[in-house]
Each structure stands twice: as structure tokens, then as C-alpha cells.
Amino acid sequence: MRAMEWLWYPKTKVIFSQNFIHSIIQTARQTAPQDLQQRPAQQQTRNLFRAARQPYVDPPHRNDLGRMDITCPHCGALHWLAEKLSSSSKSSPKFGTCCNSGKVHLAPLEDPPEPLRRLLTSNDRNAIKFQDEIWKYNRAFAFTSLGVQEDHSVNQGRGPPVFRISGELHHCSGALAPSDGRLPRYAQLYIYEPRAALESRMRQNEELDDNVMKSLQEMLTQHHQYVPVYRHAHEILRNYNPADDVQVRLRLTPGHDRRRYNLPSADEVAVILPGSNSTEPRDIILHHRNGPLYQISDLHPAYVPLQYPLLFP
């Protein structure tokens, strides 16, 4: 039995699984007129495939929501009129999917520092190339690694890259110093002297522009809120014998109200010194050398800015 069947549309090739096709056929048989149901199964299948090969024709009636130009009176988000709360009127619509009728207040996003702002907004050749490869630059400056089983087989041909994984996706934190003979990676590079860090980043990302890499490294070193936190943790760990397997923990400071829409801030994180017996499941655990990878809780305020430094510079 063939595992797949091919249906051809004009200029498009679509693959349907055998089970999916059988389900369509069974549904059509159950809802078809009596005379069609009495026809042989082979003829019914042939008619369905013949219909699938016909050019697409727009339905006679479409559901048109109009223009999305209705402004929320509280936050200014644009909506369709059909999205208004049923308790509000057309002349004075209110909405709940943006700011929950003014109950959620977000401070305006600050402009990113230079040169990131120029690279994100300019239309010159270097900026356009950066925008196409921004995910590579972000990967080069990430503090944490992705704990995931990635399927690379889908990126063999042309077209935009596809990120396909098996199982769950985690962010992982490792040692602050590389093992002997290995290049520093992730947060380790923020501990290094700037020139050595840039050389190591370029050796691992040879296709990226070295001038852009240098300017972004200088920007993150100066502005990113977790660079001084990691450097402080490294200074603490250097005073201990690596053979003692000493840990430093980055913990959410007690008393901070971590609500759903709050932006992350390094002010909410305290460095817990070695020797503390109290542990929290959401702590970020840091070793000096040769420590295992630790999964970071997605409830920790550093979860996002450590993995996406160019979104939170």
C-alpha cells in the first residue's frame, strides 16, 4: 500500500496522507446524495480526485471584516469593529484582547541603542543583510544554549530556513570557563577580554560581518543588563578551588512582583553566594569550570534576555 498520494493543483504540489484522504472519502460518502452513495467506490474516489485537480474558485460569499482601523481608547491598538466587547457600543467600542480595557499598562518600548537601531531601521546594504541574518547574530551573542533535538534534514534545499525540533525546547546554562582545549561559547565569551572574545566569535561565525560583530559586542558589553551580573558571578567563582564544584545561583529577588506582562530586569536578580543551603527550583546555576548544563526555568526573569540579547539589549 502506498503511504502517500499526490494531488496536483495549478503550480502547486500538495501531499496528503493516505489516512487523510480516506477520511475525506468517508465524509463525502456519508453526506453525498443517495444516488452518489450507490455508485462504486472506485468511481467515487476518481470523482473526488478529479474535483481536487480543478482550479480554485472563490466562494460566492466572503466574510469581510472591513478595515482594521478601530483604535482602542486605552492603549491605541488597532482592531476590527467585530472584535469589540459585546457590552460596548459601535459608537464607543471597547476591547479586551489588547490591554483588557485599560487594566494592563505597558510602558512604551525604548529605542534600541546604536548601532542596533540603525541596523534594524536602515535600508542600506549592510542593514538589509543584517536583517536577513539577524538570527545568526543573535545566536552568536546568546548567553544560553538551546537544549533541543533539532532536525536539520528540512534545510537541504533553497528557501528560508526552517526550525524543526523533536520534543521540548529548553534554555540551558553551562560553566563560565571553557574546558581545556575548547573554544569559549555563550556566556563564557562575556568574561573574556573583548579582542579575544571577538576573535572567538568570528571563528565560530565566519560568514558574519566582523565590523557588525565588533559594534554589537561593544553595544551589548555596555548596555546589556546581565553582562555585569555574569562577570560578578565569575569573579566570585575564581576565588574558589574548581575541584570543590562550587556553584553560584542567580535568584529572583524576594518581594518583586513578577506579573505576566512585566519586562525582565536584572534588578530583580540576586547573586546567591556559595555555601548557601537554600535552593529554589527557578535558580540559574553557574559553575566555574566543567559543570553540567542546567535547564533554566521559563519563569525566571532572565530566561528571555539571556537567549535573545538583541531583543533585550
Protein backbone atom coordinates (compact mmCIF):
# COMPACT_ATOMS: atom_id res chain seq x y z
CA MET A 1 0.00 0.00 0.00
CA ARG A 2 1.33 3.42 -0.84
CA ALA A 3 1.92 5.66 2.16
CA MET A 4 1.23 8.88 0.28
CA GLU A 5 -0.97 10.06 -2.55
CA TRP A 6 -0.23 13.09 -4.71
CA LEU A 7 -2.82 15.73 -5.57
CA TRP A 8 -1.87 18.38 -8.09
CA TYR A 9 -3.08 21.96 -8.03
CA PRO A 10 -2.03 24.57 -10.62
CA LYS A 11 1.63 25.44 -9.93
CA THR A 12 1.37 23.78 -6.51
CA LYS A 13 2.11 20.28 -5.26
CA VAL A 14 0.34 19.19 -2.08
CA ILE A 15 0.88 15.90 -0.26
CA PHE A 16 -1.94 14.29 1.69
CA SER A 17 -1.55 11.25 3.86
CA GLN A 18 -3.49 8.12 2.96
CA ASN A 19 -5.49 8.29 6.20
CA PHE A 20 -6.44 11.90 5.50
CA ILE A 21 -7.71 11.01 2.02
CA HIS A 22 -9.74 8.10 3.36
CA SER A 23 -11.33 10.36 5.95
CA ILE A 24 -12.38 12.80 3.22
CA ILE A 25 -13.85 9.98 1.17
CA GLN A 26 -15.80 8.60 4.13
CA THR A 27 -17.18 12.05 4.94
CA ALA A 28 -18.19 12.60 1.32
CA ARG A 29 -19.95 9.24 1.20
CA GLN A 30 -21.93 9.99 4.33
CA THR A 31 -23.07 13.41 3.15
CA ALA A 32 -23.50 12.66 -0.57
CA PRO A 33 -26.91 12.18 -2.19
CA GLN A 34 -28.37 8.67 -2.24
CA ASP A 35 -27.62 8.09 -5.93
CA LEU A 36 -23.96 9.03 -5.45
CA GLN A 37 -23.64 6.72 -2.46
CA GLN A 38 -24.79 3.81 -4.58
CA ARG A 39 -22.03 4.31 -7.15
CA PRO A 40 -18.99 2.04 -6.97
CA ALA A 41 -16.32 3.15 -4.50
CA GLN A 42 -13.67 3.32 -7.21
CA GLN A 43 -15.77 5.76 -9.26
CA GLN A 44 -16.42 7.91 -6.17
CA THR A 45 -12.70 8.12 -5.48
CA ARG A 46 -11.99 9.02 -9.10
CA ASN A 47 -14.56 11.82 -8.98
CA LEU A 48 -13.05 13.24 -5.80
CA PHE A 49 -9.56 13.29 -7.28
CA ARG A 50 -10.88 14.88 -10.47
CA ALA A 51 -12.56 17.61 -8.44
CA ALA A 52 -9.36 18.22 -6.46
CA ARG A 53 -7.46 18.91 -9.69
CA GLN A 54 -9.81 21.71 -10.72
CA PRO A 55 -8.60 25.32 -10.39
CA TYR A 56 -9.56 27.05 -7.16
CA VAL A 57 -12.69 29.20 -7.45
CA ASP A 58 -13.56 31.84 -4.88
CA PRO A 59 -16.74 31.12 -2.95
CA PRO A 60 -19.73 33.29 -3.90
CA HIS A 61 -19.79 34.96 -0.48
CA ARG A 62 -16.89 36.02 1.74
CA ASN A 63 -16.87 37.16 5.34
CA ASP A 64 -15.40 40.66 5.10
CA LEU A 65 -14.39 42.24 8.40
CA GLY A 66 -13.59 45.54 6.73
CA ARG A 67 -10.55 47.60 7.62
CA MET A 68 -8.69 47.11 10.88
CA ASP A 69 -8.81 50.79 11.80
CA ILE A 70 -10.68 50.95 15.09
CA THR A 71 -8.38 52.26 17.83
CA CYS A 72 -8.52 51.06 21.40
CA PRO A 73 -9.27 54.14 23.54
CA HIS A 74 -6.83 52.98 26.23
CA CYS A 75 -3.67 51.67 24.51
CA GLY A 76 -4.13 52.69 20.86
CA ALA A 77 -4.03 49.16 19.42
CA LEU A 78 -5.85 48.67 16.12
CA HIS A 79 -8.81 46.30 15.92
CA TRP A 80 -11.65 45.26 13.68
CA LEU A 81 -15.01 46.51 14.88
CA ALA A 82 -16.19 42.90 15.17
CA GLU A 83 -13.60 42.39 17.95
CA LYS A 84 -15.26 44.83 20.33
CA LEU A 85 -16.63 43.64 23.64
CA SER A 86 -20.29 42.71 23.42
CA SER A 87 -21.01 45.06 26.33
CA SER A 88 -19.75 48.09 24.38
CA SER A 89 -21.45 50.00 21.58
CA LYS A 90 -20.37 50.59 17.99
CA SER A 91 -20.08 54.31 18.62
CA SER A 92 -17.82 53.75 21.65
CA PRO A 93 -16.18 50.34 21.22
CA LYS A 94 -14.02 48.76 23.91
CA PHE A 95 -11.65 45.82 23.53
CA GLY A 96 -10.32 43.12 25.80
CA THR A 97 -7.68 41.34 23.72
CA CYS A 98 -5.06 44.10 23.86
CA CYS A 99 -4.96 45.81 27.26
CA ASN A 100 -8.10 44.32 28.78
CA SER A 101 -9.94 47.65 28.62
CA GLY A 102 -7.10 49.59 30.22
CA LYS A 103 -6.34 47.14 33.02
CA VAL A 104 -2.91 46.23 31.60
CA HIS A 105 -0.42 49.09 31.35
CA LEU A 106 2.80 48.69 29.37
CA ALA A 107 5.47 51.33 29.19
CA PRO A 108 6.44 52.27 25.62
CA LEU A 109 9.38 50.28 24.30
CA GLU A 110 12.62 52.20 24.34
CA ASP A 111 14.58 52.58 21.14
CA PRO A 112 17.46 50.07 20.98
CA PRO A 113 20.93 51.54 21.36
CA GLU A 114 23.16 52.22 18.40
CA PRO A 115 24.26 50.57 16.20
CA LEU A 116 21.39 48.10 16.61
CA ARG A 117 18.77 50.78 15.93
CA ARG A 118 20.38 51.71 12.63
CA LEU A 119 20.77 48.08 11.58
CA LEU A 120 17.08 47.43 12.29
CA THR A 121 15.68 50.53 10.59
CA SER A 122 18.06 51.46 7.78
CA ASN A 123 17.68 50.35 4.17
CA ASP A 124 21.36 50.34 3.22
CA ARG A 125 23.04 47.16 2.03
CA ASN A 126 24.70 46.27 5.33
CA ALA A 127 21.48 46.78 7.30
CA ILE A 128 19.40 44.68 4.91
CA LYS A 129 21.96 41.89 5.09
CA PHE A 130 21.91 42.10 8.89
CA GLN A 131 18.11 41.91 8.96
CA ASP A 132 18.22 38.76 6.83
CA GLU A 133 20.75 37.15 9.16
CA ILE A 134 19.69 38.61 12.50
CA TRP A 135 19.02 35.13 13.91
CA LYS A 136 22.67 34.23 13.29
CA TYR A 137 23.91 37.36 15.06
CA ASN A 138 21.60 36.70 17.99
CA ARG A 139 22.90 33.14 18.21
CA ALA A 140 26.47 34.45 18.27
CA PHE A 141 25.74 36.67 21.30
CA ALA A 142 23.34 34.42 23.26
CA PHE A 143 24.27 33.72 26.88
CA THR A 144 22.46 30.37 26.94
CA SER A 145 22.24 27.39 24.61
CA LEU A 146 19.18 25.63 23.28
CA GLY A 147 18.56 22.21 24.77
CA VAL A 148 16.70 20.69 21.87
CA GLN A 149 16.91 17.91 19.31
CA GLU A 150 16.84 19.77 16.01
CA ASP A 151 16.01 18.18 12.65
CA HIS A 152 18.36 19.64 10.02
CA SER A 153 17.12 17.47 7.17
CA VAL A 154 14.44 20.02 6.19
CA ASN A 155 17.03 22.65 5.25
CA GLN A 156 18.74 20.83 2.39
CA GLY A 157 17.26 22.89 -0.46
CA ARG A 158 16.64 26.55 -1.14
CA GLY A 159 14.24 28.84 0.62
CA PRO A 160 14.08 30.36 4.11
CA PRO A 161 15.44 28.23 6.97
CA VAL A 162 13.03 26.00 8.86
CA PHE A 163 13.47 25.30 12.57
CA ARG A 164 12.00 21.86 13.29
CA ILE A 165 12.53 20.07 16.59
CA SER A 166 11.63 16.83 18.30
CA GLY A 167 10.43 17.03 21.90
CA GLU A 168 10.59 20.03 24.21
CA LEU A 169 12.73 23.14 23.85
CA HIS A 170 14.82 24.30 26.82
CA HIS A 171 17.33 27.06 27.54
CA CYS A 172 20.47 25.75 29.25
CA SER A 173 23.23 27.40 31.24
CA GLY A 174 26.74 25.98 31.48
CA ALA A 175 30.12 26.70 33.04
CA LEU A 176 31.60 30.19 32.94
CA ALA A 177 35.00 28.94 31.76
CA PRO A 178 35.56 26.55 28.83
CA SER A 179 37.12 23.14 29.21
CA ASP A 180 40.79 22.83 28.31
CA GLY A 181 41.34 22.98 24.57
CA ARG A 182 37.83 24.12 23.70
CA LEU A 183 36.68 27.48 22.38
CA PRO A 184 34.63 29.65 24.74
CA ARG A 185 30.94 29.85 23.89
CA TYR A 186 27.76 31.60 25.01
CA ALA A 187 28.13 33.38 28.40
CA GLN A 188 31.82 32.44 28.58
CA LEU A 189 32.56 34.99 25.87
CA TYR A 190 31.31 37.85 28.04
CA ILE A 191 34.01 37.02 30.59
CA TYR A 192 36.84 37.19 28.05
CA GLU A 193 38.89 40.23 27.06
CA PRO A 194 36.99 41.96 24.19
CA ARG A 195 39.52 41.28 21.44
CA ALA A 196 39.81 37.59 22.33
CA ALA A 197 36.03 37.30 22.59
CA LEU A 198 35.55 38.84 19.14
CA GLU A 199 38.15 36.55 17.58
CA SER A 200 36.47 33.51 19.11
CA ARG A 201 33.02 34.63 17.92
CA MET A 202 34.31 35.16 14.38
CA ARG A 203 35.98 31.73 14.31
CA GLN A 204 32.59 30.20 15.10
CA ASN A 205 30.63 32.50 12.76
CA GLU A 206 32.91 33.12 9.80
CA GLU A 207 30.05 34.07 7.46
CA LEU A 208 29.10 37.12 9.55
CA ASP A 209 30.46 40.64 9.11
CA ASP A 210 33.33 41.29 11.52
CA ASN A 211 32.61 45.04 11.75
CA VAL A 212 28.98 44.41 12.66
CA MET A 213 30.05 41.78 15.18
CA LYS A 214 32.51 44.19 16.79
CA SER A 215 29.98 47.01 17.08
CA LEU A 216 27.29 44.71 18.51
CA GLN A 217 29.73 43.24 21.01
CA GLU A 218 30.66 46.71 22.23
CA MET A 219 26.97 47.66 22.47
CA LEU A 220 25.99 44.57 24.49
CA THR A 221 29.01 44.88 26.78
CA GLN A 222 27.98 48.44 27.57
CA HIS A 223 24.19 48.10 27.71
CA HIS A 224 23.06 44.53 28.34
CA GLN A 225 21.82 44.24 31.91
CA TYR A 226 23.16 40.71 32.56
CA VAL A 227 26.78 41.24 31.45
CA PRO A 228 27.83 42.73 34.84
CA VAL A 229 25.82 40.05 36.66
CA TYR A 230 27.71 37.23 34.94
CA ARG A 231 31.06 38.96 35.37
CA HIS A 232 30.38 39.40 39.07
CA ALA A 233 29.48 35.71 39.37
CA HIS A 234 32.72 34.80 37.59
CA GLU A 235 34.78 36.93 39.97
CA ILE A 236 33.20 35.12 42.91
CA LEU A 237 33.86 31.67 41.46
CA ARG A 238 37.50 32.47 40.68
CA ASN A 239 38.20 32.69 44.41
CA TYR A 240 37.26 29.05 44.95
CA ASN A 241 39.02 25.84 44.02
CA PRO A 242 37.41 24.46 40.85
CA ALA A 243 37.75 20.95 42.27
CA ASP A 244 35.25 21.87 45.01
CA ASP A 245 32.42 22.10 42.43
CA VAL A 246 31.24 25.43 43.86
CA GLN A 247 28.02 26.94 42.50
CA VAL A 248 26.69 30.47 42.23
CA ARG A 249 22.94 30.93 41.88
CA LEU A 250 21.07 33.74 40.17
CA ARG A 251 17.79 34.06 42.04
CA LEU A 252 14.71 36.22 41.71
CA THR A 253 14.89 38.81 44.50
CA PRO A 254 12.15 38.25 47.10
CA GLY A 255 9.45 40.89 47.04
CA HIS A 256 9.48 41.52 43.29
CA ASP A 257 6.06 41.15 41.74
CA ARG A 258 6.60 39.17 38.55
CA ARG A 259 3.40 39.72 36.65
CA ARG A 260 2.74 38.30 33.25
CA TYR A 261 3.35 41.45 31.24
CA ASN A 262 6.33 42.90 33.11
CA LEU A 263 9.53 43.29 31.14
CA PRO A 264 12.53 41.42 32.60
CA SER A 265 15.08 43.37 34.59
CA ALA A 266 18.44 42.45 36.10
CA ASP A 267 17.49 44.43 39.21
CA GLU A 268 15.17 41.56 40.07
CA VAL A 269 18.06 39.05 40.27
CA ALA A 270 20.31 38.47 43.27
CA VAL A 271 23.62 36.57 43.22
CA ILE A 272 23.48 33.84 45.87
CA LEU A 273 26.99 33.16 47.17
CA PRO A 274 28.44 29.65 47.51
CA GLY A 275 27.71 27.94 50.78
CA SER A 276 24.06 28.87 50.95
CA ASN A 277 21.96 25.83 51.71
CA SER A 278 18.71 27.31 50.49
CA THR A 279 17.77 26.39 46.95
CA GLU A 280 14.96 27.42 44.67
CA PRO A 281 13.81 25.44 41.61
CA ARG A 282 13.98 28.58 39.45
CA ASP A 283 17.60 29.45 40.28
CA ILE A 284 20.09 29.78 37.41
CA ILE A 285 23.07 27.66 38.49
CA LEU A 286 26.55 28.74 37.39
CA HIS A 287 29.78 26.74 37.67
CA HIS A 288 33.30 27.99 37.10
CA ARG A 289 34.50 25.05 35.02
CA ASN A 290 33.43 21.55 33.91
CA GLY A 291 29.94 21.81 35.35
CA PRO A 292 26.93 20.15 33.69
CA LEU A 293 24.30 22.03 31.71
CA TYR A 294 21.38 23.23 33.79
CA GLN A 295 17.93 23.93 32.43
CA ILE A 296 16.64 27.45 33.10
CA SER A 297 13.08 27.84 34.28
CA ASP A 298 10.91 29.78 31.85
CA LEU A 299 9.56 31.66 34.90
CA HIS A 300 12.93 33.24 35.64
CA PRO A 301 13.12 36.90 34.51
CA ALA A 302 16.45 36.21 32.76
CA TYR A 303 15.01 33.38 30.62
CA VAL A 304 14.28 35.54 27.55
CA PRO A 305 17.01 38.24 27.62
CA LEU A 306 19.77 35.65 28.03
CA GLN A 307 18.67 33.74 24.92
CA TYR A 308 17.65 36.77 22.82
CA PRO A 309 20.12 39.56 23.67
CA LEU A 310 19.34 41.51 20.50
CA LEU A 311 15.68 41.74 21.53
CA PHE A 312 16.62 42.91 25.03
CA PRO A 313 19.91 44.77 24.56
